[in-house]
């Protein structure tokens, strides 16, 4: 219950950031190119710095085992989401992509930090890295019917994978716990930008959608119900069977139960699909998450 309350308050705070982005666009102070630049900053700097920062802890065999366990838990959550999306939405490529992949980086990380502490981000690196790899490969195949065009080299050079690999190195070698204060302070400062910048980018998306058409589209509500309720609730039940520590399960669950990921709009635009509709899936599910994500976490806390 306490975690759900914290998450609810954090979501409300994040919505204020989102409104700031919305207001900047509507007032002409933030252009479409400007919002893209903010998104680029998130992808190439802020999220990687946050992931690296989560590895800045003392190495121990127990922590390494926890990393493996949480990564397997993340793979389980992703596999379940992909399976449900495939069964229910395989005739609607954008919807299938949207249901399969949550906003684990933009929204999941700030919520984990707020509700469980910055050290719990360590448990989310596996699901975030795997999700990015699958979006670039399996996700592209969903949207286009073709195999992903990203090479193994392209995947390894993606900012998230680089951050995870760098984090693993400093964790295993013990450097993460011995970084100079200036370096660790810089990492923490950049990581603190995650929630404000991410939600301002979403606010920019919101400012450019047809709000009336979005709220009148029943298909979007069905997708949101699958992404925010069906998938998370089934994930809660499956996670319960694992017997893994509660904090670990909650950290991965927060990431897995986040609303539709922004990348569905990015990839839809990249492949000349319905970019406006893809943006609406992100915006409406994010708006509805203020109600449903705390509810799911409250139920999860009781299991």
C-alpha atoms as a PDB file:
ATOM      1  CA  UNK A   1       0.000   0.000   0.000  1.00  0.00           C
ATOM      2  CA  UNK A   2       2.823   2.397   0.885  1.00  0.00           C
ATOM      3  CA  UNK A   3       4.609   1.706  -2.409  1.00  0.00           C
ATOM      4  CA  UNK A   4       1.392   2.318  -4.338  1.00  0.00           C
ATOM      5  CA  UNK A   5       0.851   5.638  -2.535  1.00  0.00           C
ATOM      6  CA  UNK A   6       4.410   6.741  -3.296  1.00  0.00           C
ATOM      7  CA  UNK A   7       3.990   5.759  -6.942  1.00  0.00           C
ATOM      8  CA  UNK A   8       0.694   7.663  -7.171  1.00  0.00           C
ATOM      9  CA  UNK A   9       2.330  10.818  -5.792  1.00  0.00           C
ATOM     10  CA  UNK A  10       5.302  10.393  -8.118  1.00  0.00           C
ATOM     11  CA  UNK A  11       3.023   9.948 -11.144  1.00  0.00           C
ATOM     12  CA  UNK A  12       1.179  13.142 -10.209  1.00  0.00           C
ATOM     13  CA  UNK A  13       4.517  14.974  -9.947  1.00  0.00           C
ATOM     14  CA  UNK A  14       5.527  13.594 -13.334  1.00  0.00           C
ATOM     15  CA  UNK A  15       2.272  14.817 -14.825  1.00  0.00           C
ATOM     16  CA  UNK A  16       3.190  18.330 -13.734  1.00  0.00           C
ATOM     17  CA  UNK A  17       6.413  17.905 -15.716  1.00  0.00           C
ATOM     18  CA  UNK A  18       4.294  16.656 -18.617  1.00  0.00           C
ATOM     19  CA  UNK A  19       2.056  19.723 -18.405  1.00  0.00           C
ATOM     20  CA  UNK A  20       5.175  21.902 -18.496  1.00  0.00           C
ATOM     21  CA  UNK A  21       6.215  20.277 -21.791  1.00  0.00           C
ATOM     22  CA  UNK A  22       2.669  20.632 -23.105  1.00  0.00           C
ATOM     23  CA  UNK A  23       2.592  24.324 -22.189  1.00  0.00           C
ATOM     24  CA  UNK A  24       5.979  24.981 -23.780  1.00  0.00           C
ATOM     25  CA  UNK A  25       4.808  23.492 -27.088  1.00  0.00           C
ATOM     26  CA  UNK A  26       1.447  25.249 -27.059  1.00  0.00           C
ATOM     27  CA  UNK A  27       3.086  28.594 -26.293  1.00  0.00           C
ATOM     28  CA  UNK A  28       5.565  28.124 -29.131  1.00  0.00           C
ATOM     29  CA  UNK A  29       8.575  27.980 -26.816  1.00  0.00           C
ATOM     30  CA  UNK A  30       9.422  24.350 -27.650  1.00  0.00           C
ATOM     31  CA  UNK A  31       9.512  23.316 -31.295  1.00  0.00           C
ATOM     32  CA  UNK A  32       9.126  19.807 -32.682  1.00  0.00           C
ATOM     33  CA  UNK A  33      12.867  19.747 -33.323  1.00  0.00           C
ATOM     34  CA  UNK A  34      13.452  20.908 -29.754  1.00  0.00           C
ATOM     35  CA  UNK A  35      11.397  18.038 -28.331  1.00  0.00           C
ATOM     36  CA  UNK A  36      13.309  15.607 -30.533  1.00  0.00           C
ATOM     37  CA  UNK A  37      16.554  17.011 -29.151  1.00  0.00           C
ATOM     38  CA  UNK A  38      15.288  16.449 -25.602  1.00  0.00           C
ATOM     39  CA  UNK A  39      14.380  12.857 -26.485  1.00  0.00           C
ATOM     40  CA  UNK A  40      17.837  12.382 -27.981  1.00  0.00           C
ATOM     41  CA  UNK A  41      19.411  13.689 -24.786  1.00  0.00           C
ATOM     42  CA  UNK A  42      17.392  11.183 -22.781  1.00  0.00           C
ATOM     43  CA  UNK A  43      18.304   8.251 -25.003  1.00  0.00           C
ATOM     44  CA  UNK A  44      21.997   9.041 -25.413  1.00  0.00           C
ATOM     45  CA  UNK A  45      22.873  10.583 -22.053  1.00  0.00           C
ATOM     46  CA  UNK A  46      20.328  10.590 -19.226  1.00  0.00           C
ATOM     47  CA  UNK A  47      19.038   6.999 -19.298  1.00  0.00           C
ATOM     48  CA  UNK A  48      22.538   5.531 -19.882  1.00  0.00           C
ATOM     49  CA  UNK A  49      23.924   7.611 -16.992  1.00  0.00           C
ATOM     50  CA  UNK A  50      21.083   6.393 -14.758  1.00  0.00           C
ATOM     51  CA  UNK A  51      21.823   2.770 -15.625  1.00  0.00           C
ATOM     52  CA  UNK A  52      25.573   3.181 -15.064  1.00  0.00           C
ATOM     53  CA  UNK A  53      24.864   4.903 -11.763  1.00  0.00           C
ATOM     54  CA  UNK A  54      22.834   1.876 -10.609  1.00  0.00           C
ATOM     55  CA  UNK A  55      26.005  -0.247 -10.892  1.00  0.00           C
ATOM     56  CA  UNK A  56      27.986   2.063  -8.606  1.00  0.00           C
ATOM     57  CA  UNK A  57      27.791  -0.310  -5.671  1.00  0.00           C
ATOM     58  CA  UNK A  58      30.226  -2.671  -3.990  1.00  0.00           C
ATOM     59  CA  UNK A  59      30.617  -5.992  -5.805  1.00  0.00           C
ATOM     60  CA  UNK A  60      29.610  -9.201  -4.092  1.00  0.00           C
ATOM     61  CA  UNK A  61      28.604 -12.669  -5.334  1.00  0.00           C
ATOM     62  CA  UNK A  62      25.185 -12.064  -3.785  1.00  0.00           C
ATOM     63  CA  UNK A  63      24.630  -8.881  -5.812  1.00  0.00           C
ATOM     64  CA  UNK A  64      25.778 -10.632  -8.989  1.00  0.00           C
ATOM     65  CA  UNK A  65      23.261 -13.411  -8.294  1.00  0.00           C
ATOM     66  CA  UNK A  66      20.559 -10.775  -7.792  1.00  0.00           C
ATOM     67  CA  UNK A  67      21.443  -9.214 -11.145  1.00  0.00           C
ATOM     68  CA  UNK A  68      21.064 -12.576 -12.882  1.00  0.00           C
ATOM     69  CA  UNK A  69      17.793 -13.303 -11.075  1.00  0.00           C
ATOM     70  CA  UNK A  70      16.296  -9.885 -11.835  1.00  0.00           C
ATOM     71  CA  UNK A  71      17.345 -10.173 -15.501  1.00  0.00           C
ATOM     72  CA  UNK A  72      15.616 -13.558 -15.762  1.00  0.00           C
ATOM     73  CA  UNK A  73      12.589 -12.040 -14.066  1.00  0.00           C
ATOM     74  CA  UNK A  74      12.611  -9.223 -16.621  1.00  0.00           C
ATOM     75  CA  UNK A  75      12.849 -11.727 -19.476  1.00  0.00           C
ATOM     76  CA  UNK A  76       9.878 -13.583 -18.014  1.00  0.00           C
ATOM     77  CA  UNK A  77       7.822 -10.378 -17.810  1.00  0.00           C
ATOM     78  CA  UNK A  78       8.715  -9.403 -21.377  1.00  0.00           C
ATOM     79  CA  UNK A  79       7.948 -12.866 -22.701  1.00  0.00           C
ATOM     80  CA  UNK A  80       4.538 -12.800 -21.050  1.00  0.00           C
ATOM     81  CA  UNK A  81       3.728  -9.341 -22.455  1.00  0.00           C
ATOM     82  CA  UNK A  82       4.817 -10.352 -25.960  1.00  0.00           C
ATOM     83  CA  UNK A  83       2.747 -13.541 -25.792  1.00  0.00           C
ATOM     84  CA  UNK A  84      -0.425 -11.745 -24.656  1.00  0.00           C
ATOM     85  CA  UNK A  85       0.019  -8.992 -27.245  1.00  0.00           C
ATOM     86  CA  UNK A  86       0.546 -11.599 -29.956  1.00  0.00           C
ATOM     87  CA  UNK A  87      -2.554 -13.567 -28.988  1.00  0.00           C
ATOM     88  CA  UNK A  88      -4.876 -10.551 -28.699  1.00  0.00           C
ATOM     89  CA  UNK A  89      -3.501  -7.944 -31.109  1.00  0.00           C
ATOM     90  CA  UNK A  90      -1.579  -9.719 -33.880  1.00  0.00           C
ATOM     91  CA  UNK A  91      -3.767  -8.173 -36.592  1.00  0.00           C
ATOM     92  CA  UNK A  92      -2.898  -4.633 -35.429  1.00  0.00           C
ATOM     93  CA  UNK A  93       0.874  -4.125 -35.662  1.00  0.00           C
ATOM     94  CA  UNK A  94       1.072  -0.796 -33.811  1.00  0.00           C
ATOM     95  CA  UNK A  95      -1.173  -2.071 -31.016  1.00  0.00           C
ATOM     96  CA  UNK A  96       0.843  -5.286 -30.712  1.00  0.00           C
ATOM     97  CA  UNK A  97       4.103  -3.346 -30.445  1.00  0.00           C
ATOM     98  CA  UNK A  98       2.558  -0.921 -27.938  1.00  0.00           C
ATOM     99  CA  UNK A  99       1.230  -3.700 -25.694  1.00  0.00           C
ATOM    100  CA  UNK A 100       4.468  -5.675 -25.847  1.00  0.00           C
ATOM    101  CA  UNK A 101       6.843  -2.936 -24.707  1.00  0.00           C
ATOM    102  CA  UNK A 102       6.336  -0.674 -21.705  1.00  0.00           C
ATOM    103  CA  UNK A 103       7.903   2.707 -20.986  1.00  0.00           C
ATOM    104  CA  UNK A 104      10.440   1.058 -18.666  1.00  0.00           C
ATOM    105  CA  UNK A 105      13.138   3.692 -19.230  1.00  0.00           C
ATOM    106  CA  UNK A 106      11.300   7.019 -19.330  1.00  0.00           C
ATOM    107  CA  UNK A 107       8.704   6.218 -16.663  1.00  0.00           C
ATOM    108  CA  UNK A 108       9.778   2.953 -15.024  1.00  0.00           C
ATOM    109  CA  UNK A 109      13.159   4.154 -13.783  1.00  0.00           C
ATOM    110  CA  UNK A 110      11.877   7.340 -12.067  1.00  0.00           C
ATOM    111  CA  UNK A 111       9.053   5.384 -10.398  1.00  0.00           C
ATOM    112  CA  UNK A 112      11.438   2.699  -9.153  1.00  0.00           C
ATOM    113  CA  UNK A 113      13.756   5.372  -7.769  1.00  0.00           C
ATOM    114  CA  UNK A 114      10.896   7.184  -6.037  1.00  0.00           C
ATOM    115  CA  UNK A 115       9.171   4.159  -4.528  1.00  0.00           C
ATOM    116  CA  UNK A 116      12.032   1.742  -3.827  1.00  0.00           C
ATOM    117  CA  UNK A 117      15.176   3.892  -3.843  1.00  0.00           C
ATOM    118  CA  UNK A 118      17.910   4.488  -6.395  1.00  0.00           C
ATOM    119  CA  UNK A 119      19.632   1.216  -5.525  1.00  0.00           C
ATOM    120  CA  UNK A 120      16.591  -0.716  -6.819  1.00  0.00           C
ATOM    121  CA  UNK A 121      17.256   0.551 -10.383  1.00  0.00           C
ATOM    122  CA  UNK A 122      19.937  -2.170 -10.359  1.00  0.00           C
ATOM    123  CA  UNK A 123      17.130  -4.734 -10.664  1.00  0.00           C
ATOM    124  CA  UNK A 124      15.722  -3.118 -13.816  1.00  0.00           C
ATOM    125  CA  UNK A 125      18.810  -3.064 -16.030  1.00  0.00           C
ATOM    126  CA  UNK A 126      18.112  -6.541 -17.425  1.00  0.00           C
ATOM    127  CA  UNK A 127      14.557  -5.833 -18.572  1.00  0.00           C
ATOM    128  CA  UNK A 128      15.501  -2.422 -20.003  1.00  0.00           C
ATOM    129  CA  UNK A 129      18.455  -3.777 -22.002  1.00  0.00           C
ATOM    130  CA  UNK A 130      16.481  -6.763 -23.307  1.00  0.00           C
ATOM    131  CA  UNK A 131      13.503  -4.557 -24.167  1.00  0.00           C
ATOM    132  CA  UNK A 132      15.644  -2.228 -26.263  1.00  0.00           C
ATOM    133  CA  UNK A 133      17.185  -5.157 -28.152  1.00  0.00           C
ATOM    134  CA  UNK A 134      13.775  -6.713 -28.831  1.00  0.00           C
ATOM    135  CA  UNK A 135      12.276  -3.407 -29.991  1.00  0.00           C
ATOM    136  CA  UNK A 136      15.010  -3.009 -32.590  1.00  0.00           C
ATOM    137  CA  UNK A 137      14.606  -6.585 -33.852  1.00  0.00           C
ATOM    138  CA  UNK A 138      11.311  -8.321 -33.042  1.00  0.00           C
ATOM    139  CA  UNK A 139       9.482  -4.978 -32.756  1.00  0.00           C
ATOM    140  CA  UNK A 140      10.494  -3.881 -36.248  1.00  0.00           C
ATOM    141  CA  UNK A 141       9.292  -7.236 -37.566  1.00  0.00           C
ATOM    142  CA  UNK A 142       5.888  -6.680 -35.917  1.00  0.00           C
ATOM    143  CA  UNK A 143       5.488  -3.269 -37.520  1.00  0.00           C
ATOM    144  CA  UNK A 144       6.809  -4.026 -40.988  1.00  0.00           C
ATOM    145  CA  UNK A 145       6.448  -7.777 -41.415  1.00  0.00           C
ATOM    146  CA  UNK A 146      10.182  -7.865 -42.125  1.00  0.00           C
ATOM    147  CA  UNK A 147      13.154  -8.804 -40.024  1.00  0.00           C
ATOM    148  CA  UNK A 148      14.798  -5.956 -38.136  1.00  0.00           C
ATOM    149  CA  UNK A 149      17.468  -4.190 -40.138  1.00  0.00           C
ATOM    150  CA  UNK A 150      19.654  -3.458 -37.124  1.00  0.00           C
ATOM    151  CA  UNK A 151      22.877  -5.492 -37.115  1.00  0.00           C
ATOM    152  CA  UNK A 152      24.499  -7.110 -34.093  1.00  0.00           C
ATOM    153  CA  UNK A 153      27.010  -4.262 -34.187  1.00  0.00           C
ATOM    154  CA  UNK A 154      24.150  -1.755 -34.151  1.00  0.00           C
ATOM    155  CA  UNK A 155      22.605  -3.428 -31.107  1.00  0.00           C
ATOM    156  CA  UNK A 156      25.910  -3.520 -29.234  1.00  0.00           C
ATOM    157  CA  UNK A 157      26.447   0.180 -29.994  1.00  0.00           C
ATOM    158  CA  UNK A 158      23.011   1.217 -28.748  1.00  0.00           C
ATOM    159  CA  UNK A 159      23.237   3.598 -25.763  1.00  0.00           C
ATOM    160  CA  UNK A 160      21.391   1.300 -23.361  1.00  0.00           C
ATOM    161  CA  UNK A 161      23.515  -1.762 -24.159  1.00  0.00           C
ATOM    162  CA  UNK A 162      26.724   0.304 -23.922  1.00  0.00           C
ATOM    163  CA  UNK A 163      25.586   1.649 -20.537  1.00  0.00           C
ATOM    164  CA  UNK A 164      24.762  -1.830 -19.230  1.00  0.00           C
ATOM    165  CA  UNK A 165      28.102  -3.246 -20.430  1.00  0.00           C
ATOM    166  CA  UNK A 166      30.002  -0.310 -18.926  1.00  0.00           C
ATOM    167  CA  UNK A 167      28.048  -0.700 -15.700  1.00  0.00           C
ATOM    168  CA  UNK A 168      28.856  -4.414 -15.546  1.00  0.00           C
ATOM    169  CA  UNK A 169      32.566  -3.665 -15.926  1.00  0.00           C
ATOM    170  CA  UNK A 170      32.690  -1.115 -13.118  1.00  0.00           C
ATOM    171  CA  UNK A 171      30.497  -3.346 -10.938  1.00  0.00           C
ATOM    172  CA  UNK A 172      32.500  -6.556 -11.374  1.00  0.00           C
ATOM    173  CA  UNK A 173      35.855  -4.782 -11.036  1.00  0.00           C
ATOM    174  CA  UNK A 174      34.717  -2.883  -7.953  1.00  0.00           C
ATOM    175  CA  UNK A 175      35.351   0.500  -9.587  1.00  0.00           C
ATOM    176  CA  UNK A 176      31.721   1.533  -9.193  1.00  0.00           C
ATOM    177  CA  UNK A 177      32.029   1.818  -5.429  1.00  0.00           C
ATOM    178  CA  UNK A 178      35.321   3.754  -5.704  1.00  0.00           C
ATOM    179  CA  UNK A 179      34.505   6.412  -8.272  1.00  0.00           C
ATOM    180  CA  UNK A 180      35.753   9.922  -7.461  1.00  0.00           C
ATOM    181  CA  UNK A 181      33.130  12.081  -5.790  1.00  0.00           C
ATOM    182  CA  UNK A 182      33.103  14.431  -8.787  1.00  0.00           C
ATOM    183  CA  UNK A 183      32.269  11.576 -11.191  1.00  0.00           C
ATOM    184  CA  UNK A 184      29.637   9.948  -8.986  1.00  0.00           C
ATOM    185  CA  UNK A 185      28.091  13.357  -8.328  1.00  0.00           C
ATOM    186  CA  UNK A 186      27.885  14.057 -12.058  1.00  0.00           C
ATOM    187  CA  UNK A 187      26.226  10.676 -12.706  1.00  0.00           C
ATOM    188  CA  UNK A 188      23.669  11.285  -9.961  1.00  0.00           C
ATOM    189  CA  UNK A 189      22.964  14.795 -11.227  1.00  0.00           C
ATOM    190  CA  UNK A 190      22.364  13.612 -14.794  1.00  0.00           C
ATOM    191  CA  UNK A 191      20.202  10.735 -13.549  1.00  0.00           C
ATOM    192  CA  UNK A 192      18.030  13.245 -11.696  1.00  0.00           C
ATOM    193  CA  UNK A 193      17.075  14.756 -15.070  1.00  0.00           C
ATOM    194  CA  UNK A 194      15.322  11.542 -16.130  1.00  0.00           C
ATOM    195  CA  UNK A 195      11.803  12.182 -14.868  1.00  0.00           C
ATOM    196  CA  UNK A 196      11.510  15.900 -15.802  1.00  0.00           C
ATOM    197  CA  UNK A 197      12.915  15.508 -19.324  1.00  0.00           C
ATOM    198  CA  UNK A 198      11.038  12.288 -20.075  1.00  0.00           C
ATOM    199  CA  UNK A 199       7.689  13.736 -19.087  1.00  0.00           C
ATOM    200  CA  UNK A 200       8.315  17.000 -20.936  1.00  0.00           C
ATOM    201  CA  UNK A 201       8.913  14.939 -24.064  1.00  0.00           C
ATOM    202  CA  UNK A 202       5.625  13.127 -23.463  1.00  0.00           C
ATOM    203  CA  UNK A 203       3.951  16.491 -22.903  1.00  0.00           C
ATOM    204  CA  UNK A 204       5.255  17.556 -26.292  1.00  0.00           C
ATOM    205  CA  UNK A 205       3.667  14.444 -27.820  1.00  0.00           C
ATOM    206  CA  UNK A 206       0.408  15.265 -26.027  1.00  0.00           C
ATOM    207  CA  UNK A 207       0.402  18.799 -27.425  1.00  0.00           C
ATOM    208  CA  UNK A 208       0.481  17.480 -30.983  1.00  0.00           C
ATOM    209  CA  UNK A 209      -2.306  14.877 -30.845  1.00  0.00           C
ATOM    210  CA  UNK A 210      -5.996  15.390 -31.586  1.00  0.00           C
ATOM    211  CA  UNK A 211      -7.284  15.176 -28.019  1.00  0.00           C
ATOM    212  CA  UNK A 212     -10.968  14.795 -28.944  1.00  0.00           C
ATOM    213  CA  UNK A 213     -10.285  12.018 -31.413  1.00  0.00           C
ATOM    214  CA  UNK A 214      -8.007  10.295 -28.917  1.00  0.00           C
ATOM    215  CA  UNK A 215     -10.545  10.238 -26.083  1.00  0.00           C
ATOM    216  CA  UNK A 216     -13.285   9.053 -28.481  1.00  0.00           C
ATOM    217  CA  UNK A 217     -11.278   6.097 -29.825  1.00  0.00           C
ATOM    218  CA  UNK A 218     -12.492   2.907 -28.123  1.00  0.00           C
ATOM    219  CA  UNK A 219      -9.591   0.951 -29.602  1.00  0.00           C
ATOM    220  CA  UNK A 220      -7.152   2.984 -27.518  1.00  0.00           C
ATOM    221  CA  UNK A 221      -8.985   2.100 -24.310  1.00  0.00           C
ATOM    222  CA  UNK A 222      -8.849  -1.607 -25.148  1.00  0.00           C
ATOM    223  CA  UNK A 223      -5.114  -1.345 -25.746  1.00  0.00           C
ATOM    224  CA  UNK A 224      -4.646   0.581 -22.484  1.00  0.00           C
ATOM    225  CA  UNK A 225      -6.599  -2.095 -20.582  1.00  0.00           C
ATOM    226  CA  UNK A 226      -4.307  -4.785 -21.964  1.00  0.00           C
ATOM    227  CA  UNK A 227      -1.112  -2.782 -21.328  1.00  0.00           C
ATOM    228  CA  UNK A 228      -2.044  -1.404 -17.887  1.00  0.00           C
ATOM    229  CA  UNK A 229      -4.259  -4.118 -16.379  1.00  0.00           C
ATOM    230  CA  UNK A 230      -4.226  -7.528 -18.063  1.00  0.00           C
ATOM    231  CA  UNK A 231      -0.467  -7.833 -18.609  1.00  0.00           C
ATOM    232  CA  UNK A 232       0.546  -6.436 -15.176  1.00  0.00           C
ATOM    233  CA  UNK A 233      -1.987  -8.545 -13.249  1.00  0.00           C
ATOM    234  CA  UNK A 234      -0.897 -11.751 -14.956  1.00  0.00           C
ATOM    235  CA  UNK A 235       2.711 -10.721 -14.339  1.00  0.00           C
ATOM    236  CA  UNK A 236       1.951 -10.325 -10.628  1.00  0.00           C
ATOM    237  CA  UNK A 237       0.585 -13.873 -10.489  1.00  0.00           C
ATOM    238  CA  UNK A 238       3.558 -15.336 -12.350  1.00  0.00           C
ATOM    239  CA  UNK A 239       6.076 -13.396 -10.243  1.00  0.00           C
ATOM    240  CA  UNK A 240       4.462 -14.710  -7.076  1.00  0.00           C
ATOM    241  CA  UNK A 241       5.355 -18.256  -8.128  1.00  0.00           C
ATOM    242  CA  UNK A 242       9.068 -17.388  -8.379  1.00  0.00           C
ATOM    243  CA  UNK A 243       9.564 -16.834  -4.663  1.00  0.00           C
ATOM    244  CA  UNK A 244      12.133 -14.098  -5.342  1.00  0.00           C
ATOM    245  CA  UNK A 245      12.567 -11.128  -2.941  1.00  0.00           C
ATOM    246  CA  UNK A 246       9.695  -8.633  -2.839  1.00  0.00           C
ATOM    247  CA  UNK A 247      11.816  -5.566  -3.645  1.00  0.00           C
ATOM    248  CA  UNK A 248      13.257  -7.246  -6.717  1.00  0.00           C
ATOM    249  CA  UNK A 249       9.820  -8.334  -7.911  1.00  0.00           C
ATOM    250  CA  UNK A 250       8.356  -4.872  -7.337  1.00  0.00           C
ATOM    251  CA  UNK A 251      11.184  -3.112  -9.201  1.00  0.00           C
ATOM    252  CA  UNK A 252      10.769  -5.319 -12.269  1.00  0.00           C
ATOM    253  CA  UNK A 253       6.974  -5.147 -12.003  1.00  0.00           C
ATOM    254  CA  UNK A 254       7.017  -1.328 -11.988  1.00  0.00           C
ATOM    255  CA  UNK A 255       9.056  -1.421 -15.200  1.00  0.00           C
ATOM    256  CA  UNK A 256       6.864  -4.108 -16.770  1.00  0.00           C
ATOM    257  CA  UNK A 257       3.562  -2.412 -15.820  1.00  0.00           C
ATOM    258  CA  UNK A 258       4.495   1.063 -17.093  1.00  0.00           C
ATOM    259  CA  UNK A 259       2.353   2.564 -19.888  1.00  0.00           C
ATOM    260  CA  UNK A 260       3.090   2.250 -23.597  1.00  0.00           C
ATOM    261  CA  UNK A 261       6.697   3.062 -24.474  1.00  0.00           C
ATOM    262  CA  UNK A 262       7.532   6.153 -26.500  1.00  0.00           C
ATOM    263  CA  UNK A 263       9.429   4.064 -29.044  1.00  0.00           C
ATOM    264  CA  UNK A 264       6.206   2.875 -30.677  1.00  0.00           C
ATOM    265  CA  UNK A 265       5.764   6.416 -32.000  1.00  0.00           C
ATOM    266  CA  UNK A 266       9.433   6.677 -32.941  1.00  0.00           C
ATOM    267  CA  UNK A 267       9.415   3.444 -34.935  1.00  0.00           C
ATOM    268  CA  UNK A 268       6.021   4.163 -36.503  1.00  0.00           C
ATOM    269  CA  UNK A 269       7.372   7.462 -37.802  1.00  0.00           C
ATOM    270  CA  UNK A 270      10.585   5.809 -38.971  1.00  0.00           C
ATOM    271  CA  UNK A 271       8.697   3.198 -41.033  1.00  0.00           C
ATOM    272  CA  UNK A 272       6.010   5.561 -42.418  1.00  0.00           C
ATOM    273  CA  UNK A 273       3.168   4.073 -40.387  1.00  0.00           C
ATOM    274  CA  UNK A 274       0.373   5.872 -38.508  1.00  0.00           C
ATOM    275  CA  UNK A 275       2.590   8.069 -36.341  1.00  0.00           C
ATOM    276  CA  UNK A 276      -0.349  10.114 -34.987  1.00  0.00           C
ATOM    277  CA  UNK A 277      -2.170   7.001 -33.752  1.00  0.00           C
ATOM    278  CA  UNK A 278       1.042   5.588 -32.279  1.00  0.00           C
ATOM    279  CA  UNK A 279       1.533   8.833 -30.344  1.00  0.00           C
ATOM    280  CA  UNK A 280      -2.033   8.571 -29.038  1.00  0.00           C
ATOM    281  CA  UNK A 281      -1.337   5.095 -27.637  1.00  0.00           C
ATOM    282  CA  UNK A 282       1.523   6.586 -25.625  1.00  0.00           C
ATOM    283  CA  UNK A 283      -0.390   9.622 -24.396  1.00  0.00           C
ATOM    284  CA  UNK A 284      -3.663   7.944 -23.392  1.00  0.00           C
ATOM    285  CA  UNK A 285      -2.009   4.994 -21.660  1.00  0.00           C
ATOM    286  CA  UNK A 286       0.240   7.434 -19.774  1.00  0.00           C
ATOM    287  CA  UNK A 287      -2.770   9.472 -18.655  1.00  0.00           C
ATOM    288  CA  UNK A 288      -4.633   6.338 -17.505  1.00  0.00           C
ATOM    289  CA  UNK A 289      -1.581   4.957 -15.708  1.00  0.00           C
ATOM    290  CA  UNK A 290      -2.155   7.463 -12.909  1.00  0.00           C
ATOM    291  CA  UNK A 291      -5.168   5.322 -11.937  1.00  0.00           C
ATOM    292  CA  UNK A 292      -4.147   1.813 -12.850  1.00  0.00           C
ATOM    293  CA  UNK A 293      -0.455   1.484 -12.035  1.00  0.00           C
ATOM    294  CA  UNK A 294      -0.845   2.316  -8.301  1.00  0.00           C
ATOM    295  CA  UNK A 295      -3.793  -0.128  -8.197  1.00  0.00           C
ATOM    296  CA  UNK A 296      -1.689  -2.929  -9.676  1.00  0.00           C
ATOM    297  CA  UNK A 297       1.157  -2.236  -7.259  1.00  0.00           C
ATOM    298  CA  UNK A 298      -1.223  -2.171  -4.317  1.00  0.00           C
ATOM    299  CA  UNK A 299      -2.510  -5.613  -5.331  1.00  0.00           C
ATOM    300  CA  UNK A 300       1.046  -6.839  -5.876  1.00  0.00           C
ATOM    301  CA  UNK A 301       2.045  -5.717  -2.365  1.00  0.00           C
ATOM    302  CA  UNK A 302      -0.630  -8.014  -0.969  1.00  0.00           C
ATOM    303  CA  UNK A 303       0.796 -11.094  -2.707  1.00  0.00           C
END
